[in-house]
Amino acid sequence: MIKPIKLVYFAWLRERIGTGQEEILLPDGVDTVEALIMHLCTMGHRYADAFGMRKTIRCAINYEFAEAQSKINAGDEVAFFPPVTGG
């Protein structure tokens, strides 16, 4: 089953990908954050470049922090951002 989700990109991820947000349809088998990142990397060099250092990228699903194995469901909003530091 194909699932529509909303993706939101912040900071240098937005700059590398070329958009701040988009809606995509996920194919079967793409149901975790890790699988989503792997899928995005197949969508072109901008995505592959942006997610090249994936260990430094944080994720939230529906405004809650998520891990690599967190499940993604139809209608979810998935946000990717670099680590936040304060000063």
C-alpha atoms as a PDB file:
ATOM      1  CA  MET A   1       0.000   0.000   0.000  1.00  0.00           C
ATOM      2  CA  ILE A   2       1.325   3.429  -0.910  1.00  0.00           C
ATOM      3  CA  LYS A   3       1.283   5.927   1.972  1.00  0.00           C
ATOM      4  CA  PRO A   4       1.191   9.733   1.590  1.00  0.00           C
ATOM      5  CA  ILE A   5       3.330  11.617   4.128  1.00  0.00           C
ATOM      6  CA  LYS A   6       4.557  15.176   4.570  1.00  0.00           C
ATOM      7  CA  LEU A   7       8.277  15.828   4.835  1.00  0.00           C
ATOM      8  CA  VAL A   8       9.762  18.970   6.385  1.00  0.00           C
ATOM      9  CA  TYR A   9      13.449  19.900   6.106  1.00  0.00           C
ATOM     10  CA  PHE A  10      15.279  22.464   8.244  1.00  0.00           C
ATOM     11  CA  ALA A  11      18.555  24.400   8.045  1.00  0.00           C
ATOM     12  CA  TRP A  12      21.239  23.016   5.708  1.00  0.00           C
ATOM     13  CA  LEU A  13      19.034  20.012   4.791  1.00  0.00           C
ATOM     14  CA  ARG A  14      16.507  22.424   3.266  1.00  0.00           C
ATOM     15  CA  GLU A  15      19.291  24.170   1.370  1.00  0.00           C
ATOM     16  CA  ARG A  16      20.789  20.953  -0.020  1.00  0.00           C
ATOM     17  CA  ILE A  17      17.477  19.393  -1.018  1.00  0.00           C
ATOM     18  CA  GLY A  18      16.127  22.648  -2.421  1.00  0.00           C
ATOM     19  CA  THR A  19      12.787  22.764  -0.606  1.00  0.00           C
ATOM     20  CA  GLY A  20      11.506  23.242   2.920  1.00  0.00           C
ATOM     21  CA  GLN A  21       8.703  20.735   2.631  1.00  0.00           C
ATOM     22  CA  GLU A  22       7.066  18.291   0.286  1.00  0.00           C
ATOM     23  CA  GLU A  23       4.515  15.519   0.204  1.00  0.00           C
ATOM     24  CA  ILE A  24       5.534  12.135  -1.132  1.00  0.00           C
ATOM     25  CA  LEU A  25       4.022   8.700  -1.541  1.00  0.00           C
ATOM     26  CA  LEU A  26       5.934   5.924   0.182  1.00  0.00           C
ATOM     27  CA  PRO A  27       6.111   2.542  -1.503  1.00  0.00           C
ATOM     28  CA  ASP A  28       5.584  -0.758   0.315  1.00  0.00           C
ATOM     29  CA  GLY A  29       8.350  -1.608   2.758  1.00  0.00           C
ATOM     30  CA  VAL A  30       9.198   1.985   3.620  1.00  0.00           C
ATOM     31  CA  ASP A  31       7.752   2.123   7.120  1.00  0.00           C
ATOM     32  CA  THR A  32      10.583   3.318   9.388  1.00  0.00           C
ATOM     33  CA  VAL A  33      12.721   6.445   9.546  1.00  0.00           C
ATOM     34  CA  GLU A  34      15.754   4.444   8.408  1.00  0.00           C
ATOM     35  CA  ALA A  35      13.887   2.990   5.412  1.00  0.00           C
ATOM     36  CA  LEU A  36      12.579   6.471   4.557  1.00  0.00           C
ATOM     37  CA  ILE A  37      16.089   7.933   4.492  1.00  0.00           C
ATOM     38  CA  MET A  38      17.295   5.087   2.285  1.00  0.00           C
ATOM     39  CA  HIS A  39      14.328   5.686  -0.046  1.00  0.00           C
ATOM     40  CA  LEU A  40      14.984   9.435  -0.178  1.00  0.00           C
ATOM     41  CA  CYS A  41      18.621   8.805  -1.131  1.00  0.00           C
ATOM     42  CA  THR A  42      17.368   7.027  -4.273  1.00  0.00           C
ATOM     43  CA  MET A  43      15.360  10.094  -5.325  1.00  0.00           C
ATOM     44  CA  GLY A  44      18.376  12.008  -6.626  1.00  0.00           C
ATOM     45  CA  HIS A  45      21.767  13.443  -5.809  1.00  0.00           C
ATOM     46  CA  ARG A  46      20.369  16.318  -3.712  1.00  0.00           C
ATOM     47  CA  TYR A  47      18.814  13.841  -1.288  1.00  0.00           C
ATOM     48  CA  ALA A  48      21.870  11.585  -1.292  1.00  0.00           C
ATOM     49  CA  ASP A  49      24.076  14.609  -0.514  1.00  0.00           C
ATOM     50  CA  ALA A  50      21.756  15.889   2.210  1.00  0.00           C
ATOM     51  CA  PHE A  51      21.548  12.525   3.964  1.00  0.00           C
ATOM     52  CA  GLY A  52      25.191  11.600   3.401  1.00  0.00           C
ATOM     53  CA  MET A  53      25.975  12.288   7.056  1.00  0.00           C
ATOM     54  CA  ARG A  54      22.790  10.713   8.406  1.00  0.00           C
ATOM     55  CA  LYS A  55      24.231  10.088  11.872  1.00  0.00           C
ATOM     56  CA  THR A  56      24.210  13.855  12.448  1.00  0.00           C
ATOM     57  CA  ILE A  57      20.585  14.288  11.343  1.00  0.00           C
ATOM     58  CA  ARG A  58      17.732  14.263  13.827  1.00  0.00           C
ATOM     59  CA  CYS A  59      14.132  13.337  13.058  1.00  0.00           C
ATOM     60  CA  ALA A  60      10.689  13.980  14.479  1.00  0.00           C
ATOM     61  CA  ILE A  61       7.417  12.285  13.587  1.00  0.00           C
ATOM     62  CA  ASN A  62       4.375  14.413  14.295  1.00  0.00           C
ATOM     63  CA  TYR A  63       6.486  16.763  16.472  1.00  0.00           C
ATOM     64  CA  GLU A  64       7.994  14.011  18.633  1.00  0.00           C
ATOM     65  CA  PHE A  65      11.619  12.944  18.415  1.00  0.00           C
ATOM     66  CA  ALA A  66      12.048   9.680  16.541  1.00  0.00           C
ATOM     67  CA  GLU A  67      14.752   7.036  16.199  1.00  0.00           C
ATOM     68  CA  ALA A  68      15.883   5.108  13.114  1.00  0.00           C
ATOM     69  CA  GLN A  69      13.467   2.249  13.815  1.00  0.00           C
ATOM     70  CA  SER A  70      10.467   4.474  14.592  1.00  0.00           C
ATOM     71  CA  LYS A  71       7.428   3.558  12.492  1.00  0.00           C
ATOM     72  CA  ILE A  72       5.965   5.912   9.882  1.00  0.00           C
ATOM     73  CA  ASN A  73       2.266   5.806   9.067  1.00  0.00           C
ATOM     74  CA  ALA A  74       0.116   7.324   6.350  1.00  0.00           C
ATOM     75  CA  GLY A  75      -0.582  10.983   7.031  1.00  0.00           C
ATOM     76  CA  ASP A  76       2.443  11.483   9.298  1.00  0.00           C
ATOM     77  CA  GLU A  77       4.584  14.603   9.208  1.00  0.00           C
ATOM     78  CA  VAL A  78       8.260  13.684   9.282  1.00  0.00           C
ATOM     79  CA  ALA A  79      10.770  16.456   9.973  1.00  0.00           C
ATOM     80  CA  PHE A  80      14.531  16.267   9.504  1.00  0.00           C
ATOM     81  CA  PHE A  81      16.939  18.729  11.109  1.00  0.00           C
ATOM     82  CA  PRO A  82      20.537  19.015  12.268  1.00  0.00           C
ATOM     83  CA  PRO A  83      21.356  18.789  15.986  1.00  0.00           C
ATOM     84  CA  VAL A  84      20.297  21.881  17.895  1.00  0.00           C
ATOM     85  CA  THR A  85      22.915  23.577  20.023  1.00  0.00           C
ATOM     86  CA  GLY A  86      22.496  26.444  22.416  1.00  0.00           C
ATOM     87  CA  GLY A  87      24.766  29.155  23.567  1.00  0.00           C
END
